[in-house]
Amino acid sequence: ITKIQKKGVDELTLNKVKEQIIREREKNLDKNRFWLNRISDSYFKGEDLNIDNFEDRIKAVSSDDIKQVASELIDVKHYVRTVLNPEKKK
């Protein structure tokens, strides 16, 4: 987290994540659950139902944006790191 706060993320990783988000969204467009959530968010939260600019908004995210958000929202002094280890076989 500290590394991201100081340097951001590398372009290759950022582009892979963006492509995955866009692909996942494309798959979800065919599902009723997606539309139910969009309509619900629009009604209860006042969000816009317009989905036309989603891909443009994702592509516009930069490493500096990630760095800024990580710095503003994550305080490295106030988080807990946990590790889950598999149970040993008996």
N, C-alpha and C. Protein backbone atom coordinates (compact mmCIF):
# COMPACT_ATOMS: atom_id res chain seq x y z
N ILE A 1 0.83 -1.20 0.00
CA ILE A 1 0.00 0.00 0.00
C ILE A 1 0.87 1.25 0.00
N THR A 2 1.91 1.22 0.79
CA THR A 2 2.81 2.39 0.85
C THR A 2 3.45 2.64 -0.50
N LYS A 3 3.82 1.56 -1.19
CA LYS A 3 4.43 1.70 -2.52
C LYS A 3 3.45 2.37 -3.49
N ILE A 4 2.19 1.95 -3.44
CA ILE A 4 1.18 2.55 -4.32
C ILE A 4 0.97 4.01 -3.97
N GLN A 5 0.96 4.32 -2.67
CA GLN A 5 0.78 5.71 -2.25
C GLN A 5 1.92 6.61 -2.72
N LYS A 6 3.12 6.05 -2.82
CA LYS A 6 4.27 6.86 -3.22
C LYS A 6 4.49 6.89 -4.73
N LYS A 7 4.31 5.72 -5.39
CA LYS A 7 4.66 5.63 -6.80
C LYS A 7 3.49 5.34 -7.74
N GLY A 8 2.33 5.00 -7.19
CA GLY A 8 1.23 4.60 -8.04
C GLY A 8 1.41 3.16 -8.48
N VAL A 9 0.72 2.77 -9.55
CA VAL A 9 0.85 1.42 -10.08
C VAL A 9 1.46 1.49 -11.47
N ASP A 10 2.12 0.40 -11.88
CA ASP A 10 2.74 0.41 -13.21
C ASP A 10 1.66 0.32 -14.28
N GLU A 11 1.95 0.87 -15.43
CA GLU A 11 0.98 0.97 -16.53
C GLU A 11 0.49 -0.40 -17.00
N LEU A 12 1.38 -1.39 -17.04
CA LEU A 12 0.99 -2.72 -17.50
C LEU A 12 -0.09 -3.30 -16.60
N THR A 13 0.12 -3.24 -15.30
CA THR A 13 -0.86 -3.75 -14.34
C THR A 13 -2.15 -2.96 -14.43
N LEU A 14 -2.05 -1.65 -14.49
CA LEU A 14 -3.23 -0.80 -14.58
C LEU A 14 -4.05 -1.13 -15.82
N ASN A 15 -3.41 -1.29 -16.95
CA ASN A 15 -4.11 -1.61 -18.19
C ASN A 15 -4.78 -2.99 -18.14
N LYS A 16 -4.11 -3.97 -17.51
CA LYS A 16 -4.71 -5.29 -17.36
C LYS A 16 -5.98 -5.22 -16.51
N VAL A 17 -5.91 -4.47 -15.42
CA VAL A 17 -7.07 -4.33 -14.54
C VAL A 17 -8.20 -3.61 -15.26
N LYS A 18 -7.89 -2.57 -16.00
CA LYS A 18 -8.91 -1.85 -16.76
C LYS A 18 -9.61 -2.77 -17.75
N GLU A 19 -8.84 -3.55 -18.49
CA GLU A 19 -9.41 -4.47 -19.48
C GLU A 19 -10.29 -5.51 -18.80
N GLN A 20 -9.86 -6.00 -17.66
CA GLN A 20 -10.67 -6.99 -16.93
C GLN A 20 -11.99 -6.38 -16.47
N ILE A 21 -11.95 -5.17 -15.96
CA ILE A 21 -13.17 -4.49 -15.51
C ILE A 21 -14.12 -4.29 -16.68
N ILE A 22 -13.59 -3.87 -17.82
CA ILE A 22 -14.42 -3.64 -19.00
C ILE A 22 -15.03 -4.95 -19.51
N ARG A 23 -14.23 -6.02 -19.56
CA ARG A 23 -14.75 -7.33 -20.01
C ARG A 23 -15.83 -7.84 -19.07
N GLU A 24 -15.60 -7.71 -17.77
CA GLU A 24 -16.57 -8.18 -16.79
C GLU A 24 -17.89 -7.41 -16.93
N ARG A 25 -17.77 -6.13 -17.15
CA ARG A 25 -18.97 -5.30 -17.34
C ARG A 25 -19.74 -5.73 -18.58
N GLU A 26 -19.02 -6.02 -19.68
CA GLU A 26 -19.66 -6.47 -20.91
C GLU A 26 -20.44 -7.77 -20.69
N LYS A 27 -19.86 -8.69 -19.91
CA LYS A 27 -20.53 -9.95 -19.61
C LYS A 27 -21.78 -9.71 -18.76
N ASN A 28 -21.68 -8.78 -17.83
CA ASN A 28 -22.79 -8.52 -16.92
C ASN A 28 -23.98 -7.82 -17.57
N LEU A 29 -23.74 -7.16 -18.69
CA LEU A 29 -24.83 -6.45 -19.37
C LEU A 29 -25.97 -7.39 -19.78
N ASP A 30 -25.67 -8.67 -19.94
CA ASP A 30 -26.68 -9.65 -20.35
C ASP A 30 -27.43 -10.26 -19.17
N LYS A 31 -27.09 -9.86 -17.97
CA LYS A 31 -27.68 -10.48 -16.78
C LYS A 31 -28.71 -9.58 -16.14
N ASN A 32 -29.80 -10.18 -15.71
CA ASN A 32 -30.86 -9.42 -15.06
C ASN A 32 -30.38 -8.78 -13.76
N ARG A 33 -29.51 -9.45 -13.03
CA ARG A 33 -29.00 -8.92 -11.76
C ARG A 33 -28.33 -7.56 -11.98
N PHE A 34 -27.58 -7.42 -13.05
CA PHE A 34 -26.92 -6.15 -13.36
C PHE A 34 -27.96 -5.04 -13.50
N TRP A 35 -29.00 -5.31 -14.29
CA TRP A 35 -30.00 -4.29 -14.55
C TRP A 35 -30.84 -4.00 -13.31
N LEU A 36 -31.11 -5.02 -12.53
CA LEU A 36 -31.83 -4.81 -11.27
C LEU A 36 -31.03 -3.88 -10.36
N ASN A 37 -29.74 -4.11 -10.26
CA ASN A 37 -28.88 -3.25 -9.43
C ASN A 37 -28.82 -1.83 -9.98
N ARG A 38 -28.71 -1.68 -11.29
CA ARG A 38 -28.66 -0.33 -11.90
C ARG A 38 -29.95 0.44 -11.63
N ILE A 39 -31.09 -0.24 -11.83
CA ILE A 39 -32.38 0.41 -11.60
C ILE A 39 -32.55 0.75 -10.12
N SER A 40 -32.16 -0.18 -9.27
CA SER A 40 -32.26 0.06 -7.82
C SER A 40 -31.37 1.22 -7.40
N ASP A 41 -30.14 1.26 -7.87
CA ASP A 41 -29.23 2.36 -7.55
C ASP A 41 -29.76 3.68 -8.06
N SER A 42 -30.37 3.65 -9.22
CA SER A 42 -30.94 4.87 -9.79
C SER A 42 -32.08 5.38 -8.93
N TYR A 43 -32.93 4.47 -8.52
CA TYR A 43 -34.11 4.86 -7.75
C TYR A 43 -33.75 5.30 -6.33
N PHE A 44 -32.97 4.47 -5.61
CA PHE A 44 -32.70 4.73 -4.20
C PHE A 44 -31.55 5.69 -3.95
N LYS A 45 -30.55 5.69 -4.83
CA LYS A 45 -29.37 6.54 -4.62
C LYS A 45 -29.33 7.74 -5.55
N GLY A 46 -30.29 7.79 -6.48
CA GLY A 46 -30.33 8.90 -7.41
C GLY A 46 -29.24 8.85 -8.47
N GLU A 47 -28.66 7.66 -8.70
CA GLU A 47 -27.61 7.53 -9.71
C GLU A 47 -28.20 7.53 -11.11
N ASP A 48 -27.42 8.01 -12.05
CA ASP A 48 -27.83 8.07 -13.44
C ASP A 48 -27.84 6.66 -14.04
N LEU A 49 -28.87 6.33 -14.79
CA LEU A 49 -28.96 5.02 -15.45
C LEU A 49 -28.08 4.93 -16.68
N ASN A 50 -27.55 6.04 -17.14
CA ASN A 50 -26.73 6.07 -18.35
C ASN A 50 -25.47 5.22 -18.15
N ILE A 51 -25.30 4.23 -19.02
CA ILE A 51 -24.11 3.37 -18.93
C ILE A 51 -23.19 3.57 -20.13
N ASP A 52 -23.50 4.53 -20.96
CA ASP A 52 -22.75 4.71 -22.21
C ASP A 52 -21.29 5.10 -21.99
N ASN A 53 -20.99 5.85 -20.96
CA ASN A 53 -19.63 6.36 -20.80
C ASN A 53 -18.78 5.55 -19.82
N PHE A 54 -19.24 4.36 -19.43
CA PHE A 54 -18.51 3.54 -18.46
C PHE A 54 -17.09 3.23 -18.94
N GLU A 55 -16.97 2.75 -20.16
CA GLU A 55 -15.65 2.37 -20.69
C GLU A 55 -14.71 3.57 -20.75
N ASP A 56 -15.22 4.71 -21.16
CA ASP A 56 -14.39 5.92 -21.21
C ASP A 56 -13.91 6.33 -19.82
N ARG A 57 -14.81 6.20 -18.82
CA ARG A 57 -14.44 6.56 -17.46
C ARG A 57 -13.36 5.63 -16.91
N ILE A 58 -13.47 4.34 -17.22
CA ILE A 58 -12.46 3.38 -16.75
C ILE A 58 -11.13 3.66 -17.44
N LYS A 59 -11.16 3.88 -18.74
CA LYS A 59 -9.92 4.13 -19.48
C LYS A 59 -9.24 5.42 -19.05
N ALA A 60 -10.01 6.36 -18.50
CA ALA A 60 -9.45 7.65 -18.08
C ALA A 60 -8.70 7.58 -16.74
N VAL A 61 -8.89 6.50 -15.99
CA VAL A 61 -8.20 6.37 -14.70
C VAL A 61 -6.70 6.22 -14.93
N SER A 62 -5.92 7.00 -14.20
CA SER A 62 -4.46 6.96 -14.36
C SER A 62 -3.80 6.45 -13.08
N SER A 63 -2.53 6.16 -13.19
CA SER A 63 -1.75 5.75 -12.03
C SER A 63 -1.75 6.84 -10.97
N ASP A 64 -1.70 8.09 -11.40
CA ASP A 64 -1.75 9.21 -10.46
C ASP A 64 -3.08 9.25 -9.71
N ASP A 65 -4.17 8.90 -10.39
CA ASP A 65 -5.48 8.84 -9.73
C ASP A 65 -5.47 7.80 -8.62
N ILE A 66 -4.92 6.62 -8.92
CA ILE A 66 -4.84 5.54 -7.94
C ILE A 66 -3.97 5.98 -6.76
N LYS A 67 -2.85 6.60 -7.07
CA LYS A 67 -1.94 7.09 -6.03
C LYS A 67 -2.64 8.10 -5.13
N GLN A 68 -3.37 9.02 -5.72
CA GLN A 68 -4.06 10.05 -4.95
C GLN A 68 -5.13 9.45 -4.04
N VAL A 69 -5.94 8.55 -4.59
CA VAL A 69 -7.00 7.93 -3.79
C VAL A 69 -6.40 7.09 -2.66
N ALA A 70 -5.35 6.33 -2.98
CA ALA A 70 -4.71 5.51 -1.94
C ALA A 70 -4.16 6.39 -0.83
N SER A 71 -3.59 7.51 -1.18
CA SER A 71 -3.03 8.42 -0.17
C SER A 71 -4.12 9.07 0.68
N GLU A 72 -5.22 9.42 0.04
CA GLU A 72 -6.30 10.11 0.76
C GLU A 72 -7.13 9.16 1.63
N LEU A 73 -7.35 7.94 1.18
CA LEU A 73 -8.29 7.07 1.87
C LEU A 73 -7.67 5.99 2.75
N ILE A 74 -6.41 5.68 2.55
CA ILE A 74 -5.81 4.58 3.31
C ILE A 74 -4.72 5.12 4.23
N ASP A 75 -4.92 4.93 5.51
CA ASP A 75 -3.91 5.30 6.49
C ASP A 75 -3.19 4.02 6.90
N VAL A 76 -1.93 3.89 6.52
CA VAL A 76 -1.20 2.65 6.77
C VAL A 76 -1.00 2.37 8.26
N LYS A 77 -1.26 3.35 9.09
CA LYS A 77 -1.15 3.14 10.54
C LYS A 77 -2.41 2.49 11.11
N HIS A 78 -3.47 2.47 10.32
CA HIS A 78 -4.75 1.97 10.81
C HIS A 78 -5.31 0.84 9.94
N TYR A 79 -4.54 -0.17 9.73
CA TYR A 79 -5.08 -1.33 9.03
C TYR A 79 -4.46 -2.59 9.61
N VAL A 80 -5.14 -3.70 9.40
CA VAL A 80 -4.68 -4.97 9.92
C VAL A 80 -4.43 -5.90 8.74
N ARG A 81 -3.27 -6.49 8.74
CA ARG A 81 -2.95 -7.46 7.69
C ARG A 81 -3.17 -8.85 8.27
N THR A 82 -3.96 -9.64 7.59
CA THR A 82 -4.23 -11.00 8.04
C THR A 82 -3.80 -11.99 6.97
N VAL A 83 -3.41 -13.15 7.41
CA VAL A 83 -3.00 -14.21 6.49
C VAL A 83 -3.78 -15.46 6.85
N LEU A 84 -4.44 -16.04 5.88
CA LEU A 84 -5.16 -17.29 6.10
C LEU A 84 -4.31 -18.44 5.61
N ASN A 85 -4.03 -19.36 6.50
CA ASN A 85 -3.26 -20.55 6.14
C ASN A 85 -4.20 -21.75 6.12
N PRO A 86 -4.02 -22.64 5.17
CA PRO A 86 -4.90 -23.81 5.13
C PRO A 86 -4.68 -24.69 6.36
N GLU A 87 -5.76 -25.35 6.74
CA GLU A 87 -5.68 -26.24 7.89
C GLU A 87 -4.83 -27.46 7.50
N LYS A 88 -4.02 -27.90 8.44
CA LYS A 88 -3.17 -29.06 8.15
C LYS A 88 -4.01 -30.32 8.12
N LYS A 89 -3.68 -31.19 7.16
CA LYS A 89 -4.41 -32.46 7.04
C LYS A 89 -4.08 -33.35 8.23
N LYS A 90 -5.07 -34.09 8.62
CA LYS A 90 -4.90 -34.97 9.78
C LYS A 90 -4.53 -36.36 9.36
